[in-house]
C-alpha atoms as a PDB file:
ATOM      1  CA  MET A   1      13.598  18.604  -7.128  1.00  0.00           C
ATOM      2  CA  LYS A   2      10.144  17.840  -5.761  1.00  0.00           C
ATOM      3  CA  VAL A   3       9.252  14.177  -5.418  1.00  0.00           C
ATOM      4  CA  ILE A   4       6.432  12.336  -3.705  1.00  0.00           C
ATOM      5  CA  VAL A   5       7.210   9.271  -1.614  1.00  0.00           C
ATOM      6  CA  THR A   6       4.647   6.737  -0.406  1.00  0.00           C
ATOM      7  CA  SER A   7       4.991   6.366   3.347  1.00  0.00           C
ATOM      8  CA  THR A   8       3.561   4.670   6.412  1.00  0.00           C
ATOM      9  CA  GLY A   9       3.807   7.944   8.355  1.00  0.00           C
ATOM     10  CA  PRO A  10       4.250  11.696   7.909  1.00  0.00           C
ATOM     11  CA  GLY A  11       8.046  11.939   8.332  1.00  0.00           C
ATOM     12  CA  LEU A  12      11.366  11.086   6.690  1.00  0.00           C
ATOM     13  CA  GLU A  13      12.142   8.416   9.287  1.00  0.00           C
ATOM     14  CA  ASP A  14       8.876   6.549   8.662  1.00  0.00           C
ATOM     15  CA  ASP A  15       8.959   3.451   6.474  1.00  0.00           C
ATOM     16  CA  LEU A  16       8.360   3.561   2.754  1.00  0.00           C
ATOM     17  CA  ASP A  17       4.876   2.173   2.071  1.00  0.00           C
ATOM     18  CA  PRO A  18       5.284  -0.389  -0.730  1.00  0.00           C
ATOM     19  CA  ARG A  19       1.757   0.258  -2.050  1.00  0.00           C
ATOM     20  CA  PHE A  20       1.183   3.216  -4.345  1.00  0.00           C
ATOM     21  CA  GLY A  21      -2.589   3.620  -4.634  1.00  0.00           C
ATOM     22  CA  ARG A  22      -3.288   2.348  -1.134  1.00  0.00           C
ATOM     23  CA  CYS A  23      -0.354   3.819   0.766  1.00  0.00           C
ATOM     24  CA  GLN A  24      -1.053   5.497   4.095  1.00  0.00           C
ATOM     25  CA  TYR A  25       0.635   8.829   3.289  1.00  0.00           C
ATOM     26  CA  PHE A  26       2.063  10.785   0.383  1.00  0.00           C
ATOM     27  CA  LEU A  27       5.043  12.946   1.351  1.00  0.00           C
ATOM     28  CA  LEU A  28       6.012  15.840  -0.918  1.00  0.00           C
ATOM     29  CA  VAL A  29       9.771  16.183  -0.405  1.00  0.00           C
ATOM     30  CA  ASP A  30      12.384  18.602  -1.689  1.00  0.00           C
ATOM     31  CA  THR A  31      15.334  16.332  -2.501  1.00  0.00           C
ATOM     32  CA  ASP A  32      17.839  19.199  -2.298  1.00  0.00           C
ATOM     33  CA  SER A  33      16.975  20.285   1.253  1.00  0.00           C
ATOM     34  CA  MET A  34      15.705  16.818   2.334  1.00  0.00           C
ATOM     35  CA  LYS A  35      12.651  18.467   3.892  1.00  0.00           C
ATOM     36  CA  VAL A  36       9.068  17.272   3.848  1.00  0.00           C
ATOM     37  CA  LEU A  37       7.198  20.142   2.227  1.00  0.00           C
ATOM     38  CA  GLU A  38       3.784  18.590   2.838  1.00  0.00           C
ATOM     39  CA  SER A  39       2.346  15.349   4.173  1.00  0.00           C
ATOM     40  CA  PHE A  40      -0.999  14.087   2.890  1.00  0.00           C
ATOM     41  CA  ASP A  41      -3.255  11.301   4.149  1.00  0.00           C
ATOM     42  CA  ASN A  42      -4.149   9.071   1.212  1.00  0.00           C
ATOM     43  CA  GLU A  43      -7.865   9.568   0.651  1.00  0.00           C
ATOM     44  CA  GLY A  44      -7.945   6.535  -1.671  1.00  0.00           C
ATOM     45  CA  LEU A  45      -6.606   4.131   0.951  1.00  0.00           C
ATOM     46  CA  MET A  46      -9.983   2.504   1.573  1.00  0.00           C
ATOM     47  CA  SER A  47     -11.656   3.118  -1.797  1.00  0.00           C
ATOM     48  CA  ALA A  48     -13.424   0.199  -3.421  1.00  0.00           C
ATOM     49  CA  GLY A  49     -11.627   0.668  -6.723  1.00  0.00           C
ATOM     50  CA  GLY A  50      -9.639   3.117  -8.801  1.00  0.00           C
ATOM     51  CA  ALA A  51      -7.106   3.851  -6.051  1.00  0.00           C
ATOM     52  CA  GLY A  52      -4.142   3.794  -8.457  1.00  0.00           C
ATOM     53  CA  ILE A  53      -5.731   6.241 -10.879  1.00  0.00           C
ATOM     54  CA  GLN A  54      -6.842   8.526  -8.059  1.00  0.00           C
ATOM     55  CA  ALA A  55      -3.361   8.441  -6.506  1.00  0.00           C
ATOM     56  CA  GLY A  56      -1.726   9.122  -9.887  1.00  0.00           C
ATOM     57  CA  GLN A  57      -3.943  12.151 -10.441  1.00  0.00           C
ATOM     58  CA  PHE A  58      -3.193  13.393  -6.928  1.00  0.00           C
ATOM     59  CA  VAL A  59       0.574  13.109  -7.448  1.00  0.00           C
ATOM     60  CA  ALA A  60       0.351  14.940 -10.769  1.00  0.00           C
ATOM     61  CA  SER A  61      -1.738  17.715  -9.182  1.00  0.00           C
ATOM     62  CA  LYS A  62       1.009  18.397  -6.612  1.00  0.00           C
ATOM     63  CA  GLY A  63       3.617  19.197  -9.273  1.00  0.00           C
ATOM     64  CA  ALA A  64       5.951  16.354  -8.351  1.00  0.00           C
ATOM     65  CA  GLU A  65       8.489  15.383 -10.973  1.00  0.00           C
ATOM     66  CA  ALA A  66       8.760  11.811  -9.683  1.00  0.00           C
ATOM     67  CA  ILE A  67       7.130   9.284  -7.390  1.00  0.00           C
ATOM     68  CA  ILE A  68       9.115   6.888  -5.222  1.00  0.00           C
ATOM     69  CA  THR A  69       7.210   3.807  -4.095  1.00  0.00           C
ATOM     70  CA  GLY A  70       7.569   0.049  -3.666  1.00  0.00           C
ATOM     71  CA  ASN A  71       5.199  -1.088  -6.410  1.00  0.00           C
ATOM     72  CA  VAL A  72       2.941   0.411  -9.039  1.00  0.00           C
ATOM     73  CA  GLY A  73       0.037  -1.146 -10.920  1.00  0.00           C
ATOM     74  CA  PRO A  74      -1.041  -0.793 -14.566  1.00  0.00           C
ATOM     75  CA  ASN A  75      -3.679   1.918 -14.083  1.00  0.00           C
ATOM     76  CA  ALA A  76      -1.414   4.032 -11.909  1.00  0.00           C
ATOM     77  CA  ILE A  77       1.564   3.810 -14.274  1.00  0.00           C
ATOM     78  CA  GLN A  78      -0.566   4.926 -17.213  1.00  0.00           C
ATOM     79  CA  THR A  79      -1.900   7.900 -15.252  1.00  0.00           C
ATOM     80  CA  LEU A  80       1.569   8.902 -14.044  1.00  0.00           C
ATOM     81  CA  GLN A  81       3.150   8.559 -17.497  1.00  0.00           C
ATOM     82  CA  ALA A  82       0.387  10.625 -19.063  1.00  0.00           C
ATOM     83  CA  ALA A  83       1.169  13.366 -16.523  1.00  0.00           C
ATOM     84  CA  GLY A  84       4.925  13.153 -17.188  1.00  0.00           C
ATOM     85  CA  VAL A  85       5.768  11.925 -13.672  1.00  0.00           C
ATOM     86  CA  GLY A  86       8.771   9.575 -13.360  1.00  0.00           C
ATOM     87  CA  VAL A  87       8.176   6.367 -11.426  1.00  0.00           C
ATOM     88  CA  TYR A  88      10.965   4.936  -9.259  1.00  0.00           C
ATOM     89  CA  LEU A  89      10.796   1.724  -7.244  1.00  0.00           C
ATOM     90  CA  SER A  90      12.583   1.482  -3.929  1.00  0.00           C
ATOM     91  CA  PRO A  91      13.139  -1.536  -1.708  1.00  0.00           C
ATOM     92  CA  ALA A  92      11.914  -1.482   1.882  1.00  0.00           C
ATOM     93  CA  GLY A  93      13.459   1.064   4.205  1.00  0.00           C
ATOM     94  CA  THR A  94      12.741   4.555   5.437  1.00  0.00           C
ATOM     95  CA  VAL A  95      11.562   7.464   3.332  1.00  0.00           C
ATOM     96  CA  ARG A  96      14.975   9.079   3.872  1.00  0.00           C
ATOM     97  CA  GLN A  97      16.752   5.960   2.555  1.00  0.00           C
ATOM     98  CA  ALA A  98      14.487   5.876  -0.502  1.00  0.00           C
ATOM     99  CA  ILE A  99      15.243   9.525  -1.313  1.00  0.00           C
ATOM    100  CA  GLU A 100      18.969   8.972  -0.813  1.00  0.00           C
ATOM    101  CA  GLY A 101      18.770   6.013  -3.212  1.00  0.00           C
ATOM    102  CA  PHE A 102      16.949   8.238  -5.705  1.00  0.00           C
ATOM    103  CA  LYS A 103      19.599  10.955  -5.424  1.00  0.00           C
ATOM    104  CA  GLN A 104      22.353   8.365  -5.982  1.00  0.00           C
ATOM    105  CA  GLU A 105      20.453   7.052  -9.046  1.00  0.00           C
ATOM    106  CA  ALA A 106      20.258   3.635  -7.387  1.00  0.00           C
ATOM    107  CA  LEU A 107      16.473   3.199  -7.793  1.00  0.00           C
ATOM    108  CA  GLN A 108      14.806   1.426 -10.675  1.00  0.00           C
ATOM    109  CA  ASN A 109      13.032   3.828 -13.060  1.00  0.00           C
ATOM    110  CA  VAL A 110      10.064   1.906 -14.473  1.00  0.00           C
ATOM    111  CA  SER A 111       7.739   2.436 -17.398  1.00  0.00           C
ATOM    112  CA  ALA A 112       5.701  -0.736 -16.877  1.00  0.00           C
ATOM    113  CA  PRO A 113       3.679  -1.950 -13.886  1.00  0.00           C
ATOM    114  CA  SER A 114       5.539  -3.911 -11.236  1.00  0.00           C
ATOM    115  CA  VAL A 115       2.358  -5.592  -9.945  1.00  0.00           C
ATOM    116  CA  ASP A 116      -1.036  -6.498 -11.311  1.00  0.00           C
ATOM    117  CA  ALA A 117      -4.155  -4.388 -10.847  1.00  0.00           C
ATOM    118  CA  HIS A 118      -5.642  -4.470  -7.319  1.00  0.00           C
ATOM    119  CA  HIS A 119      -2.368  -5.665  -5.782  1.00  0.00           C
ATOM    120  CA  GLY A 120      -2.561  -3.236  -2.844  1.00  0.00           C
ATOM    121  CA  MET A 121      -5.936  -4.569  -1.745  1.00  0.00           C
ATOM    122  CA  GLY A 122      -4.261  -7.617  -0.190  1.00  0.00           C
ATOM    123  CA  THR A 123      -1.786  -7.897   2.607  1.00  0.00           C
ATOM    124  CA  THR A 124       1.622  -6.275   2.415  1.00  0.00           C
ATOM    125  CA  GLY A 125       4.161  -9.046   2.285  1.00  0.00           C
ATOM    126  CA  THR A 126       2.669 -11.266   4.949  1.00  0.00           C
ATOM    127  CA  THR A 127       0.649 -14.396   4.525  1.00  0.00           C
ATOM    128  CA  ALA A 128      -2.532 -15.090   6.409  1.00  0.00           C
ATOM    129  CA  ALA A 129      -2.325 -18.303   8.341  1.00  0.00           C
ATOM    130  CA  PRO A 130      -3.866 -19.760  11.437  1.00  0.00           C
ATOM    131  CA  SER A 131      -1.862 -18.987  14.521  1.00  0.00           C
ATOM    132  CA  SER A 132      -2.014 -20.433  17.955  1.00  0.00           C
ATOM    133  CA  GLY A 133      -0.426 -19.696  21.231  1.00  0.00           C
ATOM    134  CA  MET A 134      -1.157 -18.569  24.714  1.00  0.00           C
ATOM    135  CA  GLY A 135      -3.808 -15.892  25.154  1.00  0.00           C
ATOM    136  CA  MET A 136      -3.371 -12.371  26.402  1.00  0.00           C
ATOM    137  CA  GLY A 137      -3.333 -13.274  30.107  1.00  0.00           C
ATOM    138  CA  ARG A 138      -6.614 -11.546  30.869  1.00  0.00           C
ATOM    139  CA  GLY A 139      -8.350 -14.487  32.606  1.00  0.00           C
ATOM    140  CA  MET A 140     -10.107 -13.803  35.905  1.00  0.00           C
ATOM    141  CA  GLY A 141      -7.629 -11.276  37.279  1.00  0.00           C
ATOM    142  CA  MET A 142     -10.011  -8.276  37.251  1.00  0.00           C
ATOM    143  CA  GLY A 143      -7.400  -6.156  35.481  1.00  0.00           C
ATOM    144  CA  ARG A 144      -4.777  -6.515  38.213  1.00  0.00           C
ATOM    145  CA  GLY A 145      -2.326  -8.693  36.315  1.00  0.00           C
ATOM    146  CA  MET A 146      -3.530 -11.918  37.926  1.00  0.00           C
ATOM    147  CA  GLY A 147      -4.861 -13.540  34.810  1.00  0.00           C
ATOM    148  CA  ARG A 148      -3.542 -16.991  34.079  1.00  0.00           C
ATOM    149  CA  GLY A 149      -3.089 -16.561  30.299  1.00  0.00           C
ATOM    150  CA  MET A 150      -5.075 -19.669  29.461  1.00  0.00           C
ATOM    151  CA  GLY A 151      -6.584 -18.440  26.189  1.00  0.00           C
ATOM    152  CA  MET A 152      -5.588 -20.687  23.343  1.00  0.00           C
ATOM    153  CA  GLY A 153      -5.328 -17.975  20.665  1.00  0.00           C
ATOM    154  CA  GLN A 154      -6.944 -19.928  17.857  1.00  0.00           C
ATOM    155  CA  GLY A 155      -7.950 -16.869  15.792  1.00  0.00           C
ATOM    156  CA  MET A 156      -6.605 -16.041  12.369  1.00  0.00           C
ATOM    157  CA  GLY A 157      -3.398 -14.069  12.498  1.00  0.00           C
ATOM    158  CA  TYR A 158      -0.639 -12.882  10.223  1.00  0.00           C
ATOM    159  CA  GLN A 159       2.729 -14.468  10.305  1.00  0.00           C
ATOM    160  CA  THR A 160       5.918 -14.318   8.344  1.00  0.00           C
ATOM    161  CA  ALA A 161       6.744 -17.970   8.964  1.00  0.00           C
ATOM    162  CA  PRO A 162       6.757 -20.284   5.966  1.00  0.00           C
ATOM    163  CA  GLY A 163       3.318 -20.849   4.568  1.00  0.00           C
ATOM    164  CA  PRO A 164       1.829 -21.025   1.114  1.00  0.00           C
ATOM    165  CA  ASP A 165       3.909 -19.668  -1.734  1.00  0.00           C
ATOM    166  CA  PRO A 166       3.663 -15.842  -1.485  1.00  0.00           C
ATOM    167  CA  GLU A 167       3.146 -15.546  -5.243  1.00  0.00           C
ATOM    168  CA  VAL A 168       0.164 -17.926  -5.106  1.00  0.00           C
ATOM    169  CA  ALA A 169      -1.289 -16.061  -2.122  1.00  0.00           C
ATOM    170  CA  ARG A 170      -0.806 -12.718  -3.909  1.00  0.00           C
ATOM    171  CA  LEU A 171      -2.514 -14.000  -7.064  1.00  0.00           C
ATOM    172  CA  GLN A 172      -5.419 -15.401  -5.043  1.00  0.00           C
ATOM    173  CA  THR A 173      -5.836 -12.063  -3.250  1.00  0.00           C
ATOM    174  CA  GLU A 174      -5.781 -10.197  -6.547  1.00  0.00           C
ATOM    175  CA  MET A 175      -8.289 -12.628  -8.053  1.00  0.00           C
ATOM    176  CA  ASP A 176     -10.634 -12.072  -5.106  1.00  0.00           C
ATOM    177  CA  GLY A 177     -10.274  -8.302  -5.547  1.00  0.00           C
ATOM    178  CA  LEU A 178     -11.051  -8.585  -9.254  1.00  0.00           C
ATOM    179  CA  ARG A 179     -14.135 -10.693  -8.521  1.00  0.00           C
ATOM    180  CA  ASN A 180     -15.365  -8.063  -6.054  1.00  0.00           C
ATOM    181  CA  ASP A 181     -14.679  -5.246  -8.517  1.00  0.00           C
ATOM    182  CA  LEU A 182     -16.494  -7.116 -11.294  1.00  0.00           C
ATOM    183  CA  LYS A 183     -19.505  -7.716  -9.057  1.00  0.00           C
ATOM    184  CA  GLU A 184     -19.605  -4.027  -8.096  1.00  0.00           C
ATOM    185  CA  MET A 185     -19.355  -3.002 -11.742  1.00  0.00           C
ATOM    186  CA  LYS A 186     -22.155  -5.404 -12.729  1.00  0.00           C
ATOM    187  CA  ASP A 187     -24.354  -4.092  -9.907  1.00  0.00           C
ATOM    188  CA  LEU A 188     -23.675  -0.487 -10.897  1.00  0.00           C
ATOM    189  CA  LEU A 189     -24.300  -1.216 -14.579  1.00  0.00           C
ATOM    190  CA  LYS A 190     -27.561  -2.969 -13.702  1.00  0.00           C
ATOM    191  CA  LYS A 191     -28.619  -0.012 -11.539  1.00  0.00           C
ATOM    192  CA  LEU A 192     -27.748   2.496 -14.292  1.00  0.00           C
ATOM    193  CA  THR A 193     -29.541   0.573 -17.060  1.00  0.00           C
ATOM    194  CA  GLN A 194     -32.681   0.079 -14.938  1.00  0.00           C
ATOM    195  CA  SER A 195     -33.030   3.809 -14.339  1.00  0.00           C
ATOM    196  CA  ASP A 196     -33.317   4.532 -18.102  1.00  0.00           C
END
């Protein structure tokens, strides 16, 4: 059986990418031979909008019978269902582990979105929070390892330590994405109606 798996890299030992429309790679895999038939960079990774629909159309065009991913949004699930592609959710792990779970019928087959629209535009399971700590040790050492590491590292970083509720952070990220999409749509509509 041919399935497509969302991945962070081009091989079976790479991690499953939990985002569908904004994954890094799509791997077309033969589940019987456990071989990657083709690896594709996701062209919709950085798109302003419509990544789920674009990814769904791409998957359908490759003749895959199923998609294995971490999450799927409402636009993507509609596109995949219309094309007759099964959608299976897998927990974190490698692509190989996800396919093995699929073969053992241990993955959740879904017919409804697991996340809201624009979910993949945010971070992937981490929360943004200020971080501090010693700098990179580059001080005055002229590149010879003699820096004193006195930078205070006050920039914004990503951490997995406790912070705001992840659900609240996810909803805020999605809301920001929706606001941006709405602004872009308004601008485009304005541009289109002015040219008439």
